[in-house]
Protein backbone atom coordinates (compact mmCIF):
# COMPACT_ATOMS: atom_id res chain seq x y z
CA UNK A 1 109.31 116.66 136.87
CA UNK A 2 110.55 114.84 133.78
CA UNK A 3 108.15 114.74 130.85
CA UNK A 4 110.13 112.36 128.66
CA UNK A 5 110.58 108.72 129.57
CA UNK A 6 113.08 106.49 127.80
CA UNK A 7 112.71 102.75 127.94
CA UNK A 8 116.14 101.22 128.50
CA UNK A 9 117.61 98.40 126.45
CA UNK A 10 116.86 96.04 129.34
CA UNK A 11 113.29 97.39 129.40
CA UNK A 12 112.82 96.50 125.74
CA UNK A 13 113.81 92.92 126.56
CA UNK A 14 111.36 92.86 129.46
CA UNK A 15 108.53 94.00 127.16
CA UNK A 16 109.23 91.29 124.58
CA UNK A 17 109.66 88.69 127.36
CA UNK A 18 106.18 89.54 128.63
CA UNK A 19 104.76 89.13 125.11
CA UNK A 20 106.61 85.83 124.61
CA UNK A 21 105.11 84.54 127.88
CA UNK A 22 101.59 85.68 126.94
CA UNK A 23 98.85 83.68 125.27
CA UNK A 24 98.94 86.01 122.24
CA UNK A 25 100.25 83.34 119.88
CA UNK A 26 97.23 82.22 117.87
CA UNK A 27 97.51 83.21 114.21
CA UNK A 28 94.57 83.45 111.85
CA UNK A 29 94.24 84.66 108.28
CA UNK A 30 91.58 86.02 105.99
CA UNK A 31 90.67 87.76 102.77
CA UNK A 32 89.98 91.29 104.04
CA UNK A 33 91.68 94.21 102.32
CA UNK A 34 90.86 97.19 104.54
CA UNK A 35 94.04 98.64 106.06
CA UNK A 36 94.73 97.69 109.68
CA UNK A 37 93.51 100.12 112.33
CA UNK A 38 94.36 100.55 116.03
CA UNK A 39 90.74 99.70 116.87
CA UNK A 40 90.75 96.33 115.06
CA UNK A 41 89.48 93.50 117.23
CA UNK A 42 89.26 90.76 114.59
CA UNK A 43 90.10 89.85 111.03
CA UNK A 44 87.96 91.72 108.51
CA UNK A 45 87.04 88.54 106.58
CA UNK A 46 88.31 85.45 108.40
CA UNK A 47 88.62 82.12 106.63
CA UNK A 48 87.14 78.88 107.94
CA UNK A 49 90.48 77.35 108.95
CA UNK A 50 91.26 77.10 112.66
CA UNK A 51 93.79 79.52 114.10
CA UNK A 52 97.26 78.06 114.47
CA UNK A 53 99.24 78.16 117.71
CA UNK A 54 102.49 79.88 116.76
CA UNK A 55 105.96 79.43 118.18
CA UNK A 56 106.91 82.46 120.28
CA UNK A 57 110.42 83.78 120.80
CA UNK A 58 112.54 86.79 121.63
CA UNK A 59 114.92 87.83 118.87
CA UNK A 60 117.51 90.56 118.41
CA UNK A 61 117.01 93.16 115.69
CA UNK A 62 119.05 96.08 117.04
CA UNK A 63 119.26 95.62 120.81
CA UNK A 64 119.39 92.30 122.66
CA UNK A 65 115.90 90.72 122.83
CA UNK A 66 114.18 93.79 121.34
CA UNK A 67 111.90 91.74 119.08
CA UNK A 68 108.90 89.51 119.83
CA UNK A 69 108.48 86.91 117.08
CA UNK A 70 105.73 84.43 116.26
CA UNK A 71 106.16 81.76 113.59
CA UNK A 72 103.10 79.90 112.36
CA UNK A 73 101.97 78.01 109.28
CA UNK A 74 98.31 77.94 108.30
CA UNK A 75 97.12 75.41 105.73
CA UNK A 76 94.16 75.97 103.44
CA UNK A 77 91.62 73.23 104.20
CA UNK A 78 88.35 74.61 102.86
CA UNK A 79 88.31 76.08 99.35
CA UNK A 80 90.96 77.94 97.36
CA UNK A 81 91.39 81.52 98.52
CA UNK A 82 93.28 84.77 97.96
CA UNK A 83 94.72 85.49 101.44
CA UNK A 84 95.36 89.17 102.21
CA UNK A 85 95.32 89.59 106.01
CA UNK A 86 96.72 88.04 109.16
CA UNK A 87 96.13 88.64 112.87
CA UNK A 88 97.41 87.39 116.23
CA UNK A 89 95.00 86.54 119.03
CA UNK A 90 95.09 85.37 122.67
CA UNK A 91 92.99 82.25 122.02
CA UNK A 92 92.24 79.72 119.30
CA UNK A 93 88.68 81.07 119.12
CA UNK A 94 87.55 84.57 120.10
CA UNK A 95 90.22 86.13 122.38
CA UNK A 96 91.78 89.58 122.16
CA UNK A 97 93.51 90.77 119.00
CA UNK A 98 97.16 91.79 119.53
CA UNK A 99 97.78 92.87 115.94
CA UNK A 100 96.37 92.72 112.43
CA UNK A 101 97.92 93.53 109.08
CA UNK A 102 97.12 93.27 105.42
CA UNK A 103 99.62 91.97 102.88
CA UNK A 104 100.02 91.27 99.18
CA UNK A 105 97.67 88.57 97.96
CA UNK A 106 98.79 84.96 98.37
CA UNK A 107 96.68 82.56 96.32
CA UNK A 108 96.23 79.21 98.03
CA UNK A 109 94.77 75.96 96.81
CA UNK A 110 93.46 73.36 99.25
CA UNK A 111 96.44 71.73 100.96
CA UNK A 112 98.78 74.70 100.46
CA UNK A 113 99.83 76.91 103.33
CA UNK A 114 101.41 80.19 104.33
CA UNK A 115 104.36 80.27 106.73
CA UNK A 116 104.16 83.54 108.64
CA UNK A 117 106.97 85.13 110.62
CA UNK A 118 105.43 88.03 112.54
CA UNK A 119 107.67 90.43 114.46
CA UNK A 120 107.00 93.23 116.91
CA UNK A 121 110.21 95.24 117.10
CA UNK A 122 110.48 97.52 120.12
CA UNK A 123 112.59 100.65 119.86
CA UNK A 124 113.34 103.79 121.81
CA UNK A 125 112.55 106.00 118.80
């Protein structure tokens, strides 16, 4: 019996196609600074702005269609903030959390926004 499984190049494309067809496209941001963890289910400190429905696509990084990409812009509508985290969810409120990450601080004034390009790159490594 084989104990090592290798996902083929075609398989990588199938994985990203499934993600691109999913509802995991809602992007939210916050001011939390704790490093992302595999057990995260939400933003650490979400802001009051609504989540934004991102544009989903399959892209090529190394192998055809090996990357799932979401592009979304969130505009600051409440008060100025130092944004340090972003997450992708399956709904515009609540929903399951696909991913969360922290990033360098981006200071926003009301009316300013952040354009996120979020990628999940699949790989055989």
